[in-house]
Amino acid sequence: MTKLAPRSHKAAVTGFAASTTTAMAGVLAASAGLFVAGADQAAAQELCSRYTVVRGDTLSEIASRAGVQGGFQFLFNANTNVLRNPNIVEIGQVLVIPCADGALPEATPAAAVATAEPAVEATPEPAAAAPEQAPLRELRVVTSSGYAPFTDRDLPGGGMFTQLVLRAFELGNPDQPVNFFFVNDWNAQLDSLLPSGAIDMAFPWFKPDCDRVEILSEPNAYRCTDFNHSDPFYDALVGYYTLQGSPYENASSAEDLMGARLCRPDAWFTFDMEAEGLVEPAISLTRAPSQLECWRLMDAGEIDVVTYDALPAEEDSRTLGLTDRTVTLDALTTTATLHVFVSKDNEEANAALPIINAGLEQLRLSGEWFTIVRASIQDTVER
């Protein structure tokens, strides 16, 4: 039986700090993306503005010229409504450049909105007695350690994603009681804890394209058929990595990896690989018990390519001292969205999804989402 270590609160993030202790120095610049054809450079950009992409731009250069804290990753996160591929920007696309405080330039404080004419006062009707509301049931919300910078018991605030979720609860409905746990068994969350009702919500989980469930394998389709999902909290970059001297170090497409031995940690999704035809027997896939084990296997020559999301992957490479030998296969970088999952059979959990979605919207409009994410990414870059 999995042991739960609870943290109870009323949707508050008291004592949580917006920082992380992971690192991702090389990937922010190196995975900046493919150039738009041509070499004409744009004029310097400014914070808190909109910018139209011109010939020769890349996201990393736009972020650098504007002085965006957190660089390419932060600029990409601010424009996921425009950019679906982190490697490509197109001439004419209009990008939002966040303000210095992390807010978006189009966000307008509610206090600044005024009506043109004073409202006509109406005669108030006698107030009806408000019906008594049943107390809200405490929601059991779970994540796991070992997934820095997103979630880890030892990170300030429990990690970037933990801070975002708990703050969204607080903004969506501060009266909603939440009992927050770390359960260090990722597979158990979807396999038993959510379906049984032992917990109500789990995060962070990647969601496939549920409009194309027919192309997914059974374990990936299960994420669509049995669970509902919050709005996306984060667009993660999913990277592919090999070592210098590997026959795959110049791979620029999925076809170039045919015949390769790939490693992705157990419990990680594979729906992106399925979409690209990176399935057995075209490739050999090892599901290692941990992130670090994938890198150890590659260092030992037992696999050719490591693939999972870039933030923890870059940190793991550095932890094992492999950064100088690691080759990032930039052209293969994709994106996937991270969500809170609930069982479709859990009535209370499904009723609470609008709470965190509303809180998430407030986080984004106020700029607090970007402040939390920027602090995390900036910390990783500066380490």
Protein backbone atom coordinates (compact mmCIF):
# COMPACT_ATOMS: atom_id res chain seq x y z
CA MET A 1 0.00 0.00 0.00
CA THR A 2 1.28 3.41 -0.91
CA LYS A 3 1.91 5.64 2.08
CA LEU A 4 0.50 9.15 1.86
CA ALA A 5 2.22 12.11 3.48
CA PRO A 6 -0.45 14.82 3.78
CA ARG A 7 -0.23 18.59 3.77
CA SER A 8 -3.61 20.11 4.66
CA HIS A 9 -4.61 23.69 3.95
CA LYS A 10 -7.47 25.77 2.59
CA ALA A 11 -6.20 26.34 -0.92
CA ALA A 12 -3.39 28.49 0.40
CA VAL A 13 0.29 28.50 -0.53
CA THR A 14 1.52 29.93 2.76
CA GLY A 15 5.26 29.60 3.12
CA PHE A 16 5.78 28.48 -0.47
CA ALA A 17 8.51 30.33 -2.41
CA ALA A 18 8.55 30.77 -6.19
CA SER A 19 11.91 29.27 -7.02
CA THR A 20 13.43 25.93 -7.97
CA THR A 21 16.79 24.28 -7.69
CA THR A 22 17.09 22.58 -11.07
CA ALA A 23 19.21 23.62 -14.03
CA MET A 24 18.66 23.98 -17.77
CA ALA A 25 21.40 26.29 -19.00
CA GLY A 26 22.18 24.94 -22.47
CA VAL A 27 18.73 24.02 -23.74
CA LEU A 28 17.20 27.50 -23.64
CA ALA A 29 19.61 28.85 -26.24
CA ALA A 30 20.48 25.64 -28.08
CA SER A 31 16.89 24.54 -28.69
CA ALA A 32 15.81 27.99 -29.88
CA GLY A 33 14.65 26.62 -33.19
CA LEU A 34 14.93 26.72 -36.91
CA PHE A 35 15.65 30.02 -38.65
CA VAL A 36 13.05 31.56 -40.87
CA ALA A 37 14.63 31.73 -44.31
CA GLY A 38 16.83 34.77 -44.78
CA ALA A 39 19.22 36.78 -42.66
CA ASP A 40 17.64 40.23 -42.18
CA GLN A 41 17.62 41.03 -38.47
CA ALA A 42 14.82 42.86 -36.68
CA ALA A 43 15.19 46.00 -34.64
CA ALA A 44 15.56 45.62 -30.90
CA GLN A 45 12.37 44.51 -29.15
CA GLU A 46 10.96 45.87 -25.89
CA LEU A 47 9.37 44.31 -22.85
CA CYS A 48 5.62 44.69 -22.39
CA SER A 49 4.90 44.99 -26.11
CA ARG A 50 3.89 43.03 -29.19
CA TYR A 51 6.37 42.08 -31.86
CA THR A 52 5.85 40.93 -35.45
CA VAL A 53 8.26 38.20 -36.58
CA VAL A 54 10.50 39.15 -39.52
CA ARG A 55 12.89 37.26 -41.74
CA GLY A 56 15.80 35.72 -39.80
CA ASP A 57 14.17 35.69 -36.33
CA THR A 58 14.37 32.88 -33.80
CA LEU A 59 12.63 32.84 -30.43
CA SER A 60 15.91 32.91 -28.55
CA GLU A 61 17.09 36.01 -30.42
CA ILE A 62 13.78 37.82 -29.89
CA ALA A 63 13.90 37.01 -26.18
CA SER A 64 17.52 38.13 -25.95
CA ARG A 65 16.97 41.43 -27.75
CA ALA A 66 13.95 42.23 -25.58
CA GLY A 67 15.69 41.20 -22.35
CA VAL A 68 13.04 38.61 -21.46
CA GLN A 69 13.85 37.08 -18.08
CA GLY A 70 13.84 33.32 -18.55
CA GLY A 71 14.72 33.58 -22.23
CA PHE A 72 13.31 31.41 -24.98
CA GLN A 73 11.30 29.07 -22.73
CA PHE A 74 9.52 31.96 -21.03
CA LEU A 75 8.74 33.71 -24.32
CA PHE A 76 7.39 30.46 -25.76
CA ASN A 77 5.13 29.95 -22.73
CA ALA A 78 3.69 33.44 -23.24
CA ASN A 79 2.76 32.64 -26.86
CA THR A 80 1.46 29.09 -26.92
CA ASN A 81 -1.75 30.39 -28.50
CA VAL A 82 0.36 31.38 -31.54
CA LEU A 83 3.31 28.96 -31.48
CA ARG A 84 2.56 25.26 -31.57
CA ASN A 85 6.07 24.15 -32.51
CA PRO A 86 8.95 25.53 -30.42
CA ASN A 87 11.36 25.15 -33.32
CA ILE A 88 9.56 27.30 -35.86
CA VAL A 89 8.51 30.94 -35.99
CA GLU A 90 6.87 32.31 -39.12
CA ILE A 91 7.15 35.72 -40.74
CA GLY A 92 4.18 37.88 -39.75
CA GLN A 93 3.34 36.10 -36.50
CA VAL A 94 2.61 38.62 -33.73
CA LEU A 95 4.19 37.64 -30.42
CA VAL A 96 3.44 39.01 -26.97
CA ILE A 97 6.57 40.05 -25.06
CA PRO A 98 5.84 39.90 -21.31
CA CYS A 99 6.32 42.90 -19.06
CA ALA A 100 9.16 43.12 -16.53
CA ASP A 101 6.80 41.95 -13.76
CA GLY A 102 5.71 38.92 -15.79
CA ALA A 103 2.29 40.28 -16.77
CA LEU A 104 1.10 40.27 -20.36
CA PRO A 105 0.72 43.67 -22.05
CA GLU A 106 -2.93 43.12 -22.91
CA ALA A 107 -3.91 42.42 -19.29
CA THR A 108 -6.03 45.36 -18.04
CA PRO A 109 -6.73 45.72 -14.30
CA ALA A 110 -10.41 45.48 -13.55
CA ALA A 111 -10.24 48.78 -11.63
CA ALA A 112 -9.29 50.61 -14.84
CA VAL A 113 -12.53 49.72 -16.59
CA ALA A 114 -15.23 52.39 -16.14
CA THR A 115 -18.70 52.90 -17.62
CA ALA A 116 -19.36 55.93 -19.80
CA GLU A 117 -22.46 57.00 -17.85
CA PRO A 118 -23.47 56.45 -14.24
CA ALA A 119 -25.77 53.53 -13.71
CA VAL A 120 -29.41 54.20 -12.78
CA GLU A 121 -30.09 53.06 -9.25
CA ALA A 122 -32.89 50.57 -8.96
CA THR A 123 -35.14 50.11 -5.96
CA PRO A 124 -33.73 47.12 -4.12
CA GLU A 125 -35.94 44.11 -3.64
CA PRO A 126 -36.10 42.55 -0.18
CA ALA A 127 -33.25 40.09 0.09
CA ALA A 128 -34.27 36.48 0.23
CA ALA A 129 -32.69 34.34 2.87
CA ALA A 130 -29.65 32.61 1.41
CA PRO A 131 -29.97 28.83 1.41
CA GLU A 132 -27.59 27.06 3.68
CA GLN A 133 -24.61 25.71 1.79
CA ALA A 134 -23.27 22.31 2.63
CA PRO A 135 -19.61 22.52 3.65
CA LEU A 136 -17.23 21.78 0.81
CA ARG A 137 -15.67 18.37 0.98
CA GLU A 138 -11.90 18.35 1.38
CA LEU A 139 -10.24 17.39 -1.89
CA ARG A 140 -7.32 14.97 -1.81
CA VAL A 141 -4.75 16.22 -4.33
CA VAL A 142 -1.60 14.25 -5.09
CA THR A 143 1.72 14.63 -6.89
CA SER A 144 5.10 12.93 -6.60
CA SER A 145 8.71 13.82 -5.86
CA GLY A 146 11.65 13.43 -8.20
CA TYR A 147 10.32 15.55 -11.04
CA ALA A 148 12.25 18.78 -10.63
CA PRO A 149 11.62 21.60 -11.33
CA PHE A 150 7.91 20.80 -11.56
CA THR A 151 7.30 18.75 -8.41
CA ASP A 152 9.56 17.62 -5.60
CA ARG A 153 9.09 17.53 -1.85
CA ASP A 154 12.52 19.12 -1.31
CA LEU A 155 11.95 22.08 -3.67
CA PRO A 156 10.66 25.40 -2.33
CA GLY A 157 6.88 25.31 -2.49
CA GLY A 158 6.98 21.70 -3.64
CA GLY A 159 8.10 22.79 -7.11
CA MET A 160 6.86 25.06 -9.88
CA PHE A 161 3.75 23.08 -10.80
CA THR A 162 2.74 22.55 -7.18
CA GLN A 163 2.85 26.29 -6.60
CA LEU A 164 0.72 26.94 -9.69
CA VAL A 165 -1.95 24.37 -8.76
CA LEU A 166 -2.32 25.38 -5.14
CA ARG A 167 -2.37 29.07 -6.04
CA ALA A 168 -5.05 28.36 -8.66
CA PHE A 169 -7.18 26.74 -5.97
CA GLU A 170 -6.70 29.76 -3.74
CA LEU A 171 -7.74 32.19 -6.47
CA GLY A 172 -10.57 30.02 -7.80
CA ASN A 173 -12.20 29.48 -4.41
CA PRO A 174 -10.26 30.23 -1.21
CA ASP A 175 -12.86 28.33 0.83
CA GLN A 176 -12.20 25.03 -0.93
CA PRO A 177 -10.27 22.80 1.50
CA VAL A 178 -7.42 20.87 -0.08
CA ASN A 179 -5.37 18.05 1.42
CA PHE A 180 -2.16 17.85 -0.58
CA PHE A 181 0.05 14.72 -0.71
CA PHE A 182 3.30 13.47 -2.20
CA VAL A 183 2.95 9.83 -3.34
CA ASN A 184 6.19 8.51 -4.79
CA ASP A 185 4.58 6.07 -7.20
CA TRP A 186 3.61 7.75 -10.46
CA ASN A 187 1.98 4.66 -11.97
CA ALA A 188 -0.27 4.16 -8.96
CA GLN A 189 -1.83 7.58 -9.42
CA LEU A 190 -3.61 6.69 -12.68
CA ASP A 191 -3.71 2.92 -12.23
CA SER A 192 -5.42 2.75 -8.83
CA LEU A 193 -5.54 5.89 -6.69
CA LEU A 194 -7.66 8.06 -8.98
CA PRO A 195 -9.95 5.28 -10.29
CA SER A 196 -10.65 3.98 -6.77
CA GLY A 197 -11.43 7.42 -5.36
CA ALA A 198 -8.59 7.21 -2.85
CA ILE A 199 -7.50 10.58 -4.25
CA ASP A 200 -9.45 13.19 -6.18
CA MET A 201 -6.84 14.92 -8.35
CA ALA A 202 -3.33 14.13 -9.56
CA PHE A 203 -0.70 16.29 -11.26
CA PRO A 204 1.25 16.96 -13.39
CA TRP A 205 0.20 14.61 -16.16
CA PHE A 206 0.64 14.95 -19.91
CA LYS A 207 -2.53 14.75 -22.00
CA PRO A 208 -2.65 13.23 -25.50
CA ASP A 209 -4.71 14.68 -28.32
CA CYS A 210 -8.00 13.17 -27.18
CA ASP A 211 -9.64 14.12 -30.47
CA ARG A 212 -7.48 11.43 -32.09
CA VAL A 213 -7.85 8.72 -29.48
CA GLU A 214 -8.22 6.10 -32.22
CA ILE A 215 -4.50 6.38 -33.10
CA LEU A 216 -3.34 5.91 -29.51
CA SER A 217 -2.19 2.71 -27.88
CA GLU A 218 -4.34 1.44 -25.00
CA PRO A 219 -2.19 2.90 -22.18
CA ASN A 220 -2.22 6.34 -23.82
CA ALA A 221 -5.89 6.22 -24.85
CA TYR A 222 -6.66 5.45 -21.18
CA ARG A 223 -5.65 9.03 -20.32
CA CYS A 224 -8.53 10.21 -22.51
CA THR A 225 -11.19 7.56 -21.94
CA ASP A 226 -11.04 7.38 -18.14
CA PHE A 227 -10.03 10.88 -17.04
CA ASN A 228 -11.04 14.49 -17.38
CA HIS A 229 -8.43 17.21 -17.37
CA SER A 230 -7.86 20.76 -16.24
CA ASP A 231 -6.91 23.43 -18.71
CA PRO A 232 -3.20 23.18 -19.57
CA PHE A 233 -0.97 24.62 -16.85
CA TYR A 234 2.27 24.38 -18.79
CA ASP A 235 3.54 23.66 -22.30
CA ALA A 236 6.64 21.53 -21.83
CA LEU A 237 9.39 21.02 -24.38
CA VAL A 238 10.06 17.32 -25.03
CA GLY A 239 13.65 16.73 -26.07
CA TYR A 240 15.77 14.02 -27.67
CA TYR A 241 19.40 13.61 -26.59
CA THR A 242 22.36 11.49 -27.64
CA LEU A 243 26.11 11.53 -27.00
CA GLN A 244 28.88 12.91 -29.15
CA GLY A 245 30.08 10.31 -31.62
CA SER A 246 26.70 8.58 -31.73
CA PRO A 247 25.50 7.56 -35.21
CA TYR A 248 22.38 9.59 -34.40
CA GLU A 249 23.99 12.89 -33.41
CA ASN A 250 22.92 14.53 -36.69
CA ALA A 251 19.35 13.19 -36.66
CA SER A 252 16.92 15.83 -37.88
CA SER A 253 13.71 13.81 -38.26
CA ALA A 254 11.96 10.81 -36.75
CA GLU A 255 12.97 8.78 -39.79
CA ASP A 256 16.61 9.31 -38.85
CA LEU A 257 16.00 7.45 -35.58
CA MET A 258 14.67 4.29 -37.18
CA GLY A 259 16.66 1.37 -35.82
CA ALA A 260 17.84 3.32 -32.77
CA ARG A 261 17.62 2.19 -29.17
CA LEU A 262 15.58 4.81 -27.28
CA CYS A 263 15.00 5.21 -23.56
CA ARG A 264 12.10 7.00 -21.90
CA PRO A 265 11.45 6.69 -18.15
CA ASP A 266 8.67 4.44 -16.94
CA ALA A 267 5.29 6.20 -16.42
CA TRP A 268 6.20 8.84 -19.03
CA PHE A 269 3.86 9.14 -22.01
CA THR A 270 4.69 7.76 -25.46
CA PHE A 271 1.82 9.19 -27.51
CA ASP A 272 4.15 11.70 -29.18
CA MET A 273 6.45 8.87 -30.28
CA GLU A 274 3.51 6.88 -31.61
CA ALA A 275 2.46 9.85 -33.76
CA GLU A 276 5.94 9.91 -35.34
CA GLY A 277 6.14 6.16 -35.91
CA LEU A 278 8.78 5.71 -33.19
CA VAL A 279 7.35 2.39 -32.03
CA GLU A 280 8.69 -1.15 -31.98
CA PRO A 281 9.92 -2.81 -34.09
CA ALA A 282 10.97 0.33 -35.99
CA ILE A 283 12.90 1.33 -32.86
CA SER A 284 13.82 -0.43 -29.64
CA LEU A 285 12.28 1.24 -26.57
CA THR A 286 13.60 0.82 -23.03
CA ARG A 287 11.34 1.95 -20.17
CA ALA A 288 13.88 2.68 -17.41
CA PRO A 289 12.73 2.81 -13.77
CA SER A 290 14.06 6.37 -13.37
CA GLN A 291 15.16 9.40 -15.36
CA LEU A 292 18.80 9.04 -14.33
CA GLU A 293 18.83 5.39 -15.34
CA CYS A 294 18.14 6.36 -18.96
CA TRP A 295 21.29 8.52 -18.96
CA ARG A 296 23.34 5.81 -17.27
CA LEU A 297 22.25 3.30 -19.91
CA MET A 298 23.24 5.69 -22.69
CA ASP A 299 26.59 6.41 -21.03
CA ALA A 300 27.18 2.65 -20.84
CA GLY A 301 26.42 2.25 -24.55
CA GLU A 302 23.28 0.19 -23.96
CA ILE A 303 20.90 2.69 -25.60
CA ASP A 304 21.40 5.43 -28.20
CA VAL A 305 18.92 8.20 -27.42
CA VAL A 306 17.31 9.55 -24.24
CA THR A 307 13.95 11.30 -24.62
CA TYR A 308 11.64 13.07 -22.15
CA ASP A 309 10.78 16.65 -21.19
CA ALA A 310 13.65 19.10 -21.42
CA LEU A 311 13.72 20.78 -18.02
CA PRO A 312 14.34 17.62 -15.96
CA ALA A 313 16.35 15.98 -18.76
CA GLU A 314 18.89 18.81 -18.89
CA GLU A 315 19.22 18.79 -15.11
CA ASP A 316 19.73 15.01 -15.07
CA SER A 317 22.45 15.28 -17.71
CA ARG A 318 24.26 17.82 -15.57
CA THR A 319 23.80 15.74 -12.41
CA LEU A 320 25.68 12.85 -14.04
CA GLY A 321 28.37 15.11 -15.53
CA LEU A 322 27.33 14.37 -19.12
CA THR A 323 26.54 17.91 -20.28
CA ASP A 324 29.77 18.40 -22.26
CA ARG A 325 29.19 15.14 -24.12
CA THR A 326 25.45 15.55 -24.69
CA VAL A 327 24.06 16.44 -28.12
CA THR A 328 20.54 17.92 -28.17
CA LEU A 329 18.62 16.88 -31.28
CA ASP A 330 16.95 20.27 -31.68
CA ALA A 331 14.93 19.48 -34.79
CA LEU A 332 13.11 16.68 -32.94
CA THR A 333 11.97 18.88 -30.03
CA THR A 334 8.18 18.88 -29.60
CA THR A 335 5.70 20.17 -27.04
CA ALA A 336 3.18 18.52 -24.73
CA THR A 337 0.79 20.06 -22.21
CA LEU A 338 0.73 19.32 -18.47
CA HIS A 339 -2.59 19.09 -16.63
CA VAL A 340 -4.40 18.10 -13.46
CA PHE A 341 -6.24 14.78 -13.98
CA VAL A 342 -9.47 13.60 -12.32
CA SER A 343 -11.39 10.36 -12.73
CA LYS A 344 -14.52 10.73 -14.84
CA ASP A 345 -16.39 8.82 -12.10
CA ASN A 346 -15.48 11.27 -9.32
CA GLU A 347 -18.36 13.74 -9.11
CA GLU A 348 -16.79 16.08 -6.53
CA ALA A 349 -13.47 16.24 -8.37
CA ASN A 350 -15.13 17.04 -11.68
CA ALA A 351 -17.19 19.76 -10.00
CA ALA A 352 -13.92 21.29 -8.72
CA LEU A 353 -12.20 21.45 -12.13
CA PRO A 354 -13.84 24.83 -12.92
CA ILE A 355 -12.35 26.17 -9.67
CA ILE A 356 -8.77 25.54 -10.70
CA ASN A 357 -9.46 26.54 -14.31
CA ALA A 358 -10.82 29.89 -13.11
CA GLY A 359 -7.84 30.31 -10.79
CA LEU A 360 -5.44 29.45 -13.60
CA GLU A 361 -7.03 32.09 -15.82
CA GLN A 362 -6.56 34.68 -13.08
CA LEU A 363 -2.94 33.59 -12.67
CA ARG A 364 -2.29 34.17 -16.35
CA LEU A 365 -4.15 37.47 -16.67
CA SER A 366 -2.50 38.98 -13.61
CA GLY A 367 0.96 37.87 -14.66
CA GLU A 368 1.47 35.79 -11.51
CA TRP A 369 1.74 32.62 -13.58
CA PHE A 370 4.65 34.13 -15.48
CA THR A 371 6.23 35.39 -12.27
CA ILE A 372 6.27 31.89 -10.78
CA VAL A 373 7.50 30.23 -13.98
CA ARG A 374 10.06 32.94 -14.71
CA ALA A 375 11.52 32.70 -11.21
CA SER A 376 11.90 28.96 -11.68
CA ILE A 377 13.48 29.11 -15.13
CA GLN A 378 15.68 32.07 -14.24
CA ASP A 379 17.01 30.16 -11.27
CA THR A 380 17.85 27.17 -13.47
CA VAL A 381 19.65 29.34 -16.01
CA GLU A 382 21.72 31.18 -13.42
CA ARG A 383 22.92 28.08 -11.56
